[in-house]
């Protein structure tokens, strides 16, 4: 029960509210009894999970092993074979291009597309020549007298005597009356605010609250402030925060704009409203006409005074003046429109545009001419061959090293050299991520450096040498970080134990599935 009472959804003003509790559950079709039983079950599960977390442990040996692996450093050097540099020197013959084109013809086809006829309504074209008359402008100005006026603002100071756990209401009221008496006897407001006020925000500014319009403060404070004359100080005012002594220092009257000052603004607004009305009326009329004449847009264009336009090359990804509007794409490529030459319903686009459209011509995918895709094929072939060559060069070097040759000497003979990466950790940002993964998957050197290769993103190939492996040492980690790692390890162990318990309970439970559970009763 205490847990349910603590849920924010059932609280009003920070306190549990029985009416709010009943209304919230009723709105979701849940009875209090069912909800409370469900919460009891959830709390039991949570307590079990928390118990597993609290009771999980690991040994010092396990922790040292974790640190040894997680903080391990590997002294590495590597050489990279970049397919981009290799590919620049490769020649691709015309025969190679033609052979690749013939073998992969399905990859070089134009996309399915349609030629679209459409009639469009554009908000910007509406009400261009409309100039509201004097009567309409006056009516708009007078419809909301407060719109073009700013509220009066008042600058106040206050002294707050808080009512809280350390000060009872009666004590706070007595102190507030005492301060009010000092002010009435000529006491300095700023000095008394600095001495007594419990509002940390304004006390440092000798009680100054700055300018505020009506409604900025809680009701009792607001009402008292706007009843004062400039220079006048209130008697203590009670609010939910305590007792306030308020002084009005300055008044800034509200200001208003004349009709002539806002004439252009009103004209622009009325013109915009007129354009909106015309836009939606014309769009609705266009939609009706397109439905009444489902296989042509001529009648709709003639009746509305709009123009039938065409766009060639609209695909399932969109295109042209329509962008990639998913609603239009779905409508254009729907069976009725695509195959039956029906008009689409009205489709609204971004930017105040709406249209109806039809398919004038449907073009299926077709092979692209070789000359049009020749450059792409040349790039592909160079990339493929360069990637193969990069891997081949790297693997040949590894084979020579495995045959007993020195890596540095082999590379020197090829005009290459190792890049010294230095001691790397599992999170070092100085080498490609996939190279780092391969480095830490490789075995540790046993007497001789380990030399291996790795295929990298983009087709590159790396040959790397691991010279030494330095295990992580808990003593090198600050104590606060060690504590964090221990907590993380305990949490990980608890998750594993919880998953294992859940799997065991699932395997040992007897679950019966009724095959006709969802079958209709009348079947």
Foldseek 3Di string as FASTA:
>chain_A
DVVVQQDPQQDDPNGGDPVSVCVVCVVVPHDPVRVVVVVVVVVVVVVVLVVLLVPFADDPVVLQVVQQAQFKWFFKWWDWQALVVVLVPDDDDPVNLVVVCVVPQVVFWDAWWFKKKKWKFFLVVFLPVPFDDPVQLVCVCPVDVCPQKDAKKFKKFKAFQFDDPVHHQVRSLVVLQVVVVCVVVPHDQLVCNLVGGPPVVQNVVSRIPGIDGQPPDPDQVSVVQVVDDAQDWDRWTQDNGGTMIMHTHDMGHMDGDDSVVCSVVSRVVVSSVRSVVVRVVLLVQLLVVLVVVFQDSVVSCVVSVTDIDIDTGQHLCGDDPQHRPNVVSCQCPPCCQVPVNTKGGWDDGPNRMIMIMGTPGIDHMDGDDSVVCSVVSSVVVSLVVSLVVQVVVQVVLVVVVVVPDDSQVVQVVVVHHIGGPGIDGLPDPPDDNQVSVVVSVDDFDDVQWDWDKDQDPSSMIMIMTTGHMGTRGPVVDDPVVSVVVSSVVSVVSSVVVVVVVVVVCVVPDDDDDDPCPPPDPVD
